Amino acid sequence: MSVFNTVESGVNQFNENSEKIIIKIENLVKRFGKLEVLRGINLQVKKGETIVIIGPSGGGKSTLLRCINKLEEYQGGQIYLDGVDINEYDVNQLRARIGMVFQQFNLFPHMNVLDNLILAPTKVKNMPRDEAVKKAKVLLSRVGLLDKIEAYPEQLSGGQKQRVAIARALMMDPEIMLFDEPTSALDPELVGEVLDVMKNLARSGMTMLVVTHEMGFARDVADRIIFISEGVVEEEGPPDEILKNPKKQRTREFLRRILE
């Protein structure tokens, strides 16, 4: 199934998989020295679900994503992917299943767009180059950047770089996509083009965890919103509940600052 199916196909896929827990996090603790950044996070993610994670800076949101993808070691608790502790996975195997898009794009500046896309599948998955090139063209077409296939990152706008970064992550056929504030480094007029790609991806049935301050995206796309502050999940629920009638004072204060 293509990563950008019709909306109807995405809905069907979500309904079929809506009860399957693909990520389970139990009592996750992460420290940087004496600073405890995550203080017992518990979270379950269903296959096909889009979860938007919000909260104040320094609250642990990005660290949580980095722990899921084994970019950070953690000091307590467990993270399970399909019921298997992620520490039992080879790191390349894990990252093939869990793609990640970063705030600062992380494209290789000395490689053109095509080479950025085909590097991981040819090196990690031993995909034949001609097959990888064909796949790269399909994905670049779907993010609206096929005409930039030979361009270098310095020749792209911020929005274009981020769309290339999303296509690069999708080259590995991930089951889950993690987005760490993917629009925060962009000029305001470029945000929409990246969010549109993410909306299409969510509607296709991809499991997604998105750290963002884009409340419109959260309202339109999220199945659940998770509010994290000071290393704990303060509140979670459907968008209408969290955005319109949050139960916790800390959530209300955060949303008031963001929405104003």
C-alpha atoms as a PDB file:
ATOM      1  CA  MET A   1       0.000   0.000   0.000  1.00  0.00           C
ATOM      2  CA  SER A   2       1.355   3.425  -0.977  1.00  0.00           C
ATOM      3  CA  VAL A   3       2.327   5.868   1.766  1.00  0.00           C
ATOM      4  CA  PHE A   4      -0.044   8.390   0.183  1.00  0.00           C
ATOM      5  CA  ASN A   5      -3.267   6.498  -0.360  1.00  0.00           C
ATOM      6  CA  THR A   6      -6.651   8.087  -0.717  1.00  0.00           C
ATOM      7  CA  VAL A   7      -8.303   9.395   2.412  1.00  0.00           C
ATOM      8  CA  GLU A   8     -10.819   6.565   2.215  1.00  0.00           C
ATOM      9  CA  SER A   9      -8.110   3.901   2.162  1.00  0.00           C
ATOM     10  CA  GLY A  10      -6.394   5.528   5.115  1.00  0.00           C
ATOM     11  CA  VAL A  11      -9.616   5.514   7.115  1.00  0.00           C
ATOM     12  CA  ASN A  12     -10.207   1.844   6.288  1.00  0.00           C
ATOM     13  CA  GLN A  13      -6.676   0.948   7.312  1.00  0.00           C
ATOM     14  CA  PHE A  14      -7.056   2.798  10.600  1.00  0.00           C
ATOM     15  CA  ASN A  15     -10.330   1.023  11.356  1.00  0.00           C
ATOM     16  CA  GLU A  16      -8.764  -2.372  10.702  1.00  0.00           C
ATOM     17  CA  ASN A  17      -5.779  -1.681  12.935  1.00  0.00           C
ATOM     18  CA  SER A  18      -7.340   0.612  15.512  1.00  0.00           C
ATOM     19  CA  GLU A  19      -7.020  -1.863  18.370  1.00  0.00           C
ATOM     20  CA  LYS A  20      -3.432  -2.938  17.719  1.00  0.00           C
ATOM     21  CA  ILE A  21      -0.912  -1.352  20.104  1.00  0.00           C
ATOM     22  CA  ILE A  22       2.267  -0.765  18.098  1.00  0.00           C
ATOM     23  CA  ILE A  23       4.187   1.308  20.694  1.00  0.00           C
ATOM     24  CA  LYS A  24       3.929   0.824  24.440  1.00  0.00           C
ATOM     25  CA  ILE A  25       5.930   2.956  26.870  1.00  0.00           C
ATOM     26  CA  GLU A  26       6.058   2.048  30.554  1.00  0.00           C
ATOM     27  CA  ASN A  27       7.481   4.252  33.324  1.00  0.00           C
ATOM     28  CA  LEU A  28      10.103   5.826  31.046  1.00  0.00           C
ATOM     29  CA  VAL A  29      12.813   7.746  32.891  1.00  0.00           C
ATOM     30  CA  LYS A  30      15.525   9.811  31.216  1.00  0.00           C
ATOM     31  CA  ARG A  31      18.215  11.799  33.017  1.00  0.00           C
ATOM     32  CA  PHE A  32      20.889  14.166  31.790  1.00  0.00           C
ATOM     33  CA  GLY A  33      23.267  14.036  34.717  1.00  0.00           C
ATOM     34  CA  LYS A  34      21.192  14.939  37.769  1.00  0.00           C
ATOM     35  CA  LEU A  35      18.426  16.518  35.682  1.00  0.00           C
ATOM     36  CA  GLU A  36      15.460  14.163  35.287  1.00  0.00           C
ATOM     37  CA  VAL A  37      13.892  15.103  31.952  1.00  0.00           C
ATOM     38  CA  LEU A  38      11.366  12.235  31.727  1.00  0.00           C
ATOM     39  CA  ARG A  39       9.812  11.171  35.020  1.00  0.00           C
ATOM     40  CA  GLY A  40       7.848   7.997  34.454  1.00  0.00           C
ATOM     41  CA  ILE A  41       6.151   8.462  31.072  1.00  0.00           C
ATOM     42  CA  ASN A  42       3.402   5.955  30.222  1.00  0.00           C
ATOM     43  CA  LEU A  43       1.939   5.932  26.728  1.00  0.00           C
ATOM     44  CA  GLN A  44       0.320   3.520  24.281  1.00  0.00           C
ATOM     45  CA  VAL A  45       0.081   4.200  20.553  1.00  0.00           C
ATOM     46  CA  LYS A  46      -2.322   2.327  18.301  1.00  0.00           C
ATOM     47  CA  LYS A  47      -1.379   1.401  14.756  1.00  0.00           C
ATOM     48  CA  GLY A  48      -2.611   4.083  12.354  1.00  0.00           C
ATOM     49  CA  GLU A  49      -2.988   6.680  15.094  1.00  0.00           C
ATOM     50  CA  THR A  50      -1.758  10.263  14.858  1.00  0.00           C
ATOM     51  CA  ILE A  51      -0.667  11.621  18.216  1.00  0.00           C
ATOM     52  CA  VAL A  52       0.311  15.264  18.630  1.00  0.00           C
ATOM     53  CA  ILE A  53       2.537  16.025  21.610  1.00  0.00           C
ATOM     54  CA  ILE A  54       2.413  19.551  22.994  1.00  0.00           C
ATOM     55  CA  GLY A  55       3.882  21.288  26.011  1.00  0.00           C
ATOM     56  CA  PRO A  56       6.361  23.948  27.140  1.00  0.00           C
ATOM     57  CA  SER A  57       9.965  23.977  25.960  1.00  0.00           C
ATOM     58  CA  GLY A  58      12.206  21.771  28.065  1.00  0.00           C
ATOM     59  CA  GLY A  59       9.316  19.572  29.162  1.00  0.00           C
ATOM     60  CA  GLY A  60      10.685  16.387  27.587  1.00  0.00           C
ATOM     61  CA  LYS A  61       8.753  16.154  24.308  1.00  0.00           C
ATOM     62  CA  SER A  62      11.710  15.880  21.932  1.00  0.00           C
ATOM     63  CA  THR A  63      13.600  13.666  24.362  1.00  0.00           C
ATOM     64  CA  LEU A  64      10.682  11.240  24.355  1.00  0.00           C
ATOM     65  CA  LEU A  65      10.834  10.913  20.556  1.00  0.00           C
ATOM     66  CA  ARG A  66      14.599  10.484  20.644  1.00  0.00           C
ATOM     67  CA  CYS A  67      14.267   7.677  23.185  1.00  0.00           C
ATOM     68  CA  ILE A  68      11.723   5.879  20.985  1.00  0.00           C
ATOM     69  CA  ASN A  69      14.194   5.960  18.081  1.00  0.00           C
ATOM     70  CA  LYS A  70      17.198   5.034  20.271  1.00  0.00           C
ATOM     71  CA  LEU A  71      18.891   8.364  19.698  1.00  0.00           C
ATOM     72  CA  GLU A  72      18.996   8.710  23.490  1.00  0.00           C
ATOM     73  CA  GLU A  73      19.644   6.064  26.101  1.00  0.00           C
ATOM     74  CA  TYR A  74      17.207   6.071  29.001  1.00  0.00           C
ATOM     75  CA  GLN A  75      17.734   5.124  32.628  1.00  0.00           C
ATOM     76  CA  GLY A  76      14.446   3.488  33.557  1.00  0.00           C
ATOM     77  CA  GLY A  77      11.331   1.912  32.136  1.00  0.00           C
ATOM     78  CA  GLN A  78      10.676   0.123  28.854  1.00  0.00           C
ATOM     79  CA  ILE A  79       9.690   0.966  25.293  1.00  0.00           C
ATOM     80  CA  TYR A  80       8.073  -1.807  23.254  1.00  0.00           C
ATOM     81  CA  LEU A  81       7.618  -1.978  19.488  1.00  0.00           C
ATOM     82  CA  ASP A  82       5.096  -4.654  18.523  1.00  0.00           C
ATOM     83  CA  GLY A  83       5.523  -6.166  21.993  1.00  0.00           C
ATOM     84  CA  VAL A  84       9.326  -6.404  21.766  1.00  0.00           C
ATOM     85  CA  ASP A  85      11.626  -4.248  23.891  1.00  0.00           C
ATOM     86  CA  ILE A  86      13.389  -1.848  21.514  1.00  0.00           C
ATOM     87  CA  ASN A  87      16.726  -2.717  23.128  1.00  0.00           C
ATOM     88  CA  GLU A  88      16.405  -6.134  21.515  1.00  0.00           C
ATOM     89  CA  TYR A  89      16.392  -4.566  18.043  1.00  0.00           C
ATOM     90  CA  ASP A  90      19.473  -3.777  16.008  1.00  0.00           C
ATOM     91  CA  VAL A  91      19.544   0.003  15.763  1.00  0.00           C
ATOM     92  CA  ASN A  92      19.415   0.000  11.944  1.00  0.00           C
ATOM     93  CA  GLN A  93      16.504  -2.442  12.010  1.00  0.00           C
ATOM     94  CA  LEU A  94      14.657  -0.237  14.498  1.00  0.00           C
ATOM     95  CA  ARG A  95      15.219   2.962  12.518  1.00  0.00           C
ATOM     96  CA  ALA A  96      14.048   1.266   9.339  1.00  0.00           C
ATOM     97  CA  ARG A  97      10.717   0.693  11.089  1.00  0.00           C
ATOM     98  CA  ILE A  98      10.593   4.064  12.863  1.00  0.00           C
ATOM     99  CA  GLY A  99      11.425   7.054  10.670  1.00  0.00           C
ATOM    100  CA  MET A 100      12.226  10.454  12.131  1.00  0.00           C
ATOM    101  CA  VAL A 101      12.102  14.002  10.784  1.00  0.00           C
ATOM    102  CA  PHE A 102      14.020  16.673  12.664  1.00  0.00           C
ATOM    103  CA  GLN A 103      13.633  20.395  13.206  1.00  0.00           C
ATOM    104  CA  GLN A 104      16.824  21.213  11.287  1.00  0.00           C
ATOM    105  CA  PHE A 105      16.298  18.854   8.303  1.00  0.00           C
ATOM    106  CA  ASN A 106      19.666  17.016   8.741  1.00  0.00           C
ATOM    107  CA  LEU A 107      20.219  16.616   4.998  1.00  0.00           C
ATOM    108  CA  PHE A 108      23.753  15.863   3.839  1.00  0.00           C
ATOM    109  CA  PRO A 109      24.909  19.168   2.289  1.00  0.00           C
ATOM    110  CA  HIS A 110      27.464  17.551  -0.051  1.00  0.00           C
ATOM    111  CA  MET A 111      24.837  15.266  -1.625  1.00  0.00           C
ATOM    112  CA  ASN A 112      22.078  16.228  -4.024  1.00  0.00           C
ATOM    113  CA  VAL A 113      18.450  15.420  -3.277  1.00  0.00           C
ATOM    114  CA  LEU A 114      18.512  12.054  -5.037  1.00  0.00           C
ATOM    115  CA  ASP A 115      21.629  10.876  -3.239  1.00  0.00           C
ATOM    116  CA  ASN A 116      20.209  12.000   0.106  1.00  0.00           C
ATOM    117  CA  LEU A 117      17.176   9.805  -0.538  1.00  0.00           C
ATOM    118  CA  ILE A 118      18.867   6.657  -1.819  1.00  0.00           C
ATOM    119  CA  LEU A 119      21.757   6.490   0.652  1.00  0.00           C
ATOM    120  CA  ALA A 120      20.020   4.644   3.496  1.00  0.00           C
ATOM    121  CA  PRO A 121      18.007   2.105   1.465  1.00  0.00           C
ATOM    122  CA  THR A 122      21.023   1.141  -0.663  1.00  0.00           C
ATOM    123  CA  LYS A 123      23.441   0.928   2.279  1.00  0.00           C
ATOM    124  CA  VAL A 124      21.198  -0.408   5.065  1.00  0.00           C
ATOM    125  CA  LYS A 125      18.624  -2.451   3.135  1.00  0.00           C
ATOM    126  CA  ASN A 126      20.871  -3.335   0.161  1.00  0.00           C
ATOM    127  CA  MET A 127      18.252  -2.053  -2.241  1.00  0.00           C
ATOM    128  CA  PRO A 128      19.506  -2.018  -5.860  1.00  0.00           C
ATOM    129  CA  ARG A 129      20.324   1.526  -6.964  1.00  0.00           C
ATOM    130  CA  ASP A 130      17.911   1.536  -9.901  1.00  0.00           C
ATOM    131  CA  GLU A 131      15.083   0.427  -7.612  1.00  0.00           C
ATOM    132  CA  ALA A 132      16.000   3.113  -5.059  1.00  0.00           C
ATOM    133  CA  VAL A 133      16.106   5.801  -7.759  1.00  0.00           C
ATOM    134  CA  LYS A 134      12.676   4.770  -9.026  1.00  0.00           C
ATOM    135  CA  LYS A 135      11.260   4.893  -5.519  1.00  0.00           C
ATOM    136  CA  ALA A 136      12.890   8.267  -4.826  1.00  0.00           C
ATOM    137  CA  LYS A 137      11.248   9.736  -7.921  1.00  0.00           C
ATOM    138  CA  VAL A 138       7.834   8.482  -6.808  1.00  0.00           C
ATOM    139  CA  LEU A 139       8.211   9.983  -3.334  1.00  0.00           C
ATOM    140  CA  LEU A 140       9.627  13.281  -4.593  1.00  0.00           C
ATOM    141  CA  SER A 141       6.700  13.553  -6.970  1.00  0.00           C
ATOM    142  CA  ARG A 142       4.291  13.058  -4.096  1.00  0.00           C
ATOM    143  CA  VAL A 143       5.887  15.787  -1.994  1.00  0.00           C
ATOM    144  CA  GLY A 144       5.954  18.071  -5.047  1.00  0.00           C
ATOM    145  CA  LEU A 145       9.720  18.154  -5.550  1.00  0.00           C
ATOM    146  CA  LEU A 146      10.556  15.880  -8.472  1.00  0.00           C
ATOM    147  CA  ASP A 147      11.973  18.908 -10.318  1.00  0.00           C
ATOM    148  CA  LYS A 148      14.532  19.334  -7.490  1.00  0.00           C
ATOM    149  CA  ILE A 149      15.958  15.803  -7.741  1.00  0.00           C
ATOM    150  CA  GLU A 150      19.430  17.049  -8.756  1.00  0.00           C
ATOM    151  CA  ALA A 151      19.461  20.122  -6.505  1.00  0.00           C
ATOM    152  CA  TYR A 152      21.668  20.432  -3.437  1.00  0.00           C
ATOM    153  CA  PRO A 153      20.268  21.402  -0.025  1.00  0.00           C
ATOM    154  CA  GLU A 154      21.736  24.916  -0.222  1.00  0.00           C
ATOM    155  CA  GLN A 155      19.611  25.504  -3.337  1.00  0.00           C
ATOM    156  CA  LEU A 156      16.346  24.670  -1.532  1.00  0.00           C
ATOM    157  CA  SER A 157      14.056  26.719   0.678  1.00  0.00           C
ATOM    158  CA  GLY A 158      13.459  25.568   4.235  1.00  0.00           C
ATOM    159  CA  GLY A 159      10.076  24.120   3.318  1.00  0.00           C
ATOM    160  CA  GLN A 160      11.591  22.229   0.416  1.00  0.00           C
ATOM    161  CA  LYS A 161      14.365  20.851   2.629  1.00  0.00           C
ATOM    162  CA  GLN A 162      11.824  19.570   5.116  1.00  0.00           C
ATOM    163  CA  ARG A 163       9.748  17.925   2.402  1.00  0.00           C
ATOM    164  CA  VAL A 164      12.911  16.224   1.117  1.00  0.00           C
ATOM    165  CA  ALA A 165      13.632  15.082   4.690  1.00  0.00           C
ATOM    166  CA  ILE A 166      10.155  13.534   4.917  1.00  0.00           C
ATOM    167  CA  ALA A 167      10.604  11.768   1.571  1.00  0.00           C
ATOM    168  CA  ARG A 168      14.007  10.504   2.731  1.00  0.00           C
ATOM    169  CA  ALA A 169      12.477   8.992   5.872  1.00  0.00           C
ATOM    170  CA  LEU A 170       9.746   7.334   3.799  1.00  0.00           C
ATOM    171  CA  MET A 171      12.354   5.663   1.570  1.00  0.00           C
ATOM    172  CA  MET A 172      12.830   3.056   4.320  1.00  0.00           C
ATOM    173  CA  ASP A 173       9.123   2.110   4.350  1.00  0.00           C
ATOM    174  CA  PRO A 174       8.717   2.924   8.053  1.00  0.00           C
ATOM    175  CA  GLU A 175       5.688   1.753   9.999  1.00  0.00           C
ATOM    176  CA  ILE A 176       5.899   4.774  12.299  1.00  0.00           C
ATOM    177  CA  MET A 177       6.970   8.369  11.706  1.00  0.00           C
ATOM    178  CA  LEU A 178       8.276  10.690  14.413  1.00  0.00           C
ATOM    179  CA  PHE A 179       8.245  14.434  13.751  1.00  0.00           C
ATOM    180  CA  ASP A 180      10.234  16.671  16.105  1.00  0.00           C
ATOM    181  CA  GLU A 181       8.915  20.228  15.651  1.00  0.00           C
ATOM    182  CA  PRO A 182       9.233  19.915  11.861  1.00  0.00           C
ATOM    183  CA  THR A 183       8.016  23.454  11.110  1.00  0.00           C
ATOM    184  CA  SER A 184       9.597  25.462  13.926  1.00  0.00           C
ATOM    185  CA  ALA A 185      12.673  26.426  11.871  1.00  0.00           C
ATOM    186  CA  LEU A 186      10.613  27.545   8.869  1.00  0.00           C
ATOM    187  CA  ASP A 187       9.485  30.978   7.807  1.00  0.00           C
ATOM    188  CA  PRO A 188       5.712  31.284   8.381  1.00  0.00           C
ATOM    189  CA  GLU A 189       4.866  31.259   4.662  1.00  0.00           C
ATOM    190  CA  LEU A 190       6.620  27.876   4.255  1.00  0.00           C
ATOM    191  CA  VAL A 191       4.888  26.067   7.118  1.00  0.00           C
ATOM    192  CA  GLY A 192       1.762  25.167   5.164  1.00  0.00           C
ATOM    193  CA  GLU A 193       3.552  23.192   2.454  1.00  0.00           C
ATOM    194  CA  VAL A 194       5.142  20.900   5.047  1.00  0.00           C
ATOM    195  CA  LEU A 195       1.936  20.485   7.057  1.00  0.00           C
ATOM    196  CA  ASP A 196       0.066  19.522   3.881  1.00  0.00           C
ATOM    197  CA  VAL A 197       2.499  16.659   3.278  1.00  0.00           C
ATOM    198  CA  MET A 198       2.108  15.538   6.885  1.00  0.00           C
ATOM    199  CA  LYS A 199      -1.691  15.686   6.670  1.00  0.00           C
ATOM    200  CA  ASN A 200      -1.665  13.464   3.586  1.00  0.00           C
ATOM    201  CA  LEU A 201       0.645  11.044   5.343  1.00  0.00           C
ATOM    202  CA  ALA A 202      -1.638  10.861   8.389  1.00  0.00           C
ATOM    203  CA  ARG A 203      -4.682  10.305   6.192  1.00  0.00           C
ATOM    204  CA  SER A 204      -2.909   7.433   4.438  1.00  0.00           C
ATOM    205  CA  GLY A 205      -2.925   5.517   7.746  1.00  0.00           C
ATOM    206  CA  MET A 206       0.688   6.066   8.842  1.00  0.00           C
ATOM    207  CA  THR A 207       1.251   5.877  12.609  1.00  0.00           C
ATOM    208  CA  MET A 208       2.626   9.292  13.602  1.00  0.00           C
ATOM    209  CA  LEU A 209       3.898  11.019  16.728  1.00  0.00           C
ATOM    210  CA  VAL A 210       4.292  14.747  16.144  1.00  0.00           C
ATOM    211  CA  VAL A 211       5.830  17.292  18.499  1.00  0.00           C
ATOM    212  CA  THR A 212       4.504  20.664  17.341  1.00  0.00           C
ATOM    213  CA  HIS A 213       3.047  24.012  18.354  1.00  0.00           C
ATOM    214  CA  GLU A 214       0.810  24.060  15.264  1.00  0.00           C
ATOM    215  CA  MET A 215      -2.561  23.857  16.976  1.00  0.00           C
ATOM    216  CA  GLY A 216      -4.489  23.967  13.700  1.00  0.00           C
ATOM    217  CA  PHE A 217      -2.703  20.815  12.575  1.00  0.00           C
ATOM    218  CA  ALA A 218      -3.409  19.201  15.945  1.00  0.00           C
ATOM    219  CA  ARG A 219      -7.103  20.056  15.710  1.00  0.00           C
ATOM    220  CA  ASP A 220      -7.473  18.832  12.130  1.00  0.00           C
ATOM    221  CA  VAL A 221      -5.335  15.673  12.131  1.00  0.00           C
ATOM    222  CA  ALA A 222      -4.661  14.343  15.626  1.00  0.00           C
ATOM    223  CA  ASP A 223      -6.533  11.379  17.063  1.00  0.00           C
ATOM    224  CA  ARG A 224      -5.151  12.311  20.482  1.00  0.00           C
ATOM    225  CA  ILE A 225      -3.240  15.227  21.945  1.00  0.00           C
ATOM    226  CA  ILE A 226      -0.732  14.549  24.715  1.00  0.00           C
ATOM    227  CA  PHE A 227       0.291  17.445  26.970  1.00  0.00           C
ATOM    228  CA  ILE A 228       3.722  16.882  28.534  1.00  0.00           C
ATOM    229  CA  SER A 229       5.191  19.213  31.141  1.00  0.00           C
ATOM    230  CA  GLU A 230       8.189  18.758  33.424  1.00  0.00           C
ATOM    231  CA  GLY A 231       8.714  15.209  32.211  1.00  0.00           C
ATOM    232  CA  VAL A 232       5.252  13.810  32.859  1.00  0.00           C
ATOM    233  CA  VAL A 233       2.043  13.384  30.870  1.00  0.00           C
ATOM    234  CA  GLU A 234      -0.210  15.983  32.445  1.00  0.00           C
ATOM    235  CA  GLU A 235      -3.236  15.384  30.257  1.00  0.00           C
ATOM    236  CA  GLU A 236      -4.320  13.541  27.120  1.00  0.00           C
ATOM    237  CA  GLY A 237      -7.464  13.219  25.058  1.00  0.00           C
ATOM    238  CA  PRO A 238      -9.112  13.957  21.709  1.00  0.00           C
ATOM    239  CA  PRO A 239      -8.411  17.384  20.163  1.00  0.00           C
ATOM    240  CA  ASP A 240     -11.811  18.874  20.948  1.00  0.00           C
ATOM    241  CA  GLU A 241     -11.467  17.957  24.602  1.00  0.00           C
ATOM    242  CA  ILE A 242      -7.879  19.155  25.066  1.00  0.00           C
ATOM    243  CA  LEU A 243      -8.083  22.329  22.968  1.00  0.00           C
ATOM    244  CA  LYS A 244     -11.556  23.471  24.003  1.00  0.00           C
ATOM    245  CA  ASN A 245     -12.009  22.161  27.525  1.00  0.00           C
ATOM    246  CA  PRO A 246      -8.727  21.067  29.148  1.00  0.00           C
ATOM    247  CA  LYS A 247      -9.077  19.747  32.673  1.00  0.00           C
ATOM    248  CA  LYS A 248      -5.697  20.781  34.069  1.00  0.00           C
ATOM    249  CA  GLN A 249      -4.775  24.360  34.933  1.00  0.00           C
ATOM    250  CA  ARG A 250      -1.283  23.888  33.493  1.00  0.00           C
ATOM    251  CA  THR A 251      -2.758  22.803  30.146  1.00  0.00           C
ATOM    252  CA  ARG A 252      -5.100  25.791  30.108  1.00  0.00           C
ATOM    253  CA  GLU A 253      -2.233  28.206  30.808  1.00  0.00           C
ATOM    254  CA  PHE A 254      -0.061  26.686  28.073  1.00  0.00           C
ATOM    255  CA  LEU A 255      -2.824  26.806  25.460  1.00  0.00           C
ATOM    256  CA  ARG A 256      -3.732  30.366  26.378  1.00  0.00           C
ATOM    257  CA  ARG A 257      -0.135  31.466  25.720  1.00  0.00           C
ATOM    258  CA  ILE A 258       0.114  29.499  22.457  1.00  0.00           C
ATOM    259  CA  LEU A 259      -3.248  30.557  21.047  1.00  0.00           C
ATOM    260  CA  GLU A 260      -2.788  34.209  21.961  1.00  0.00           C
END
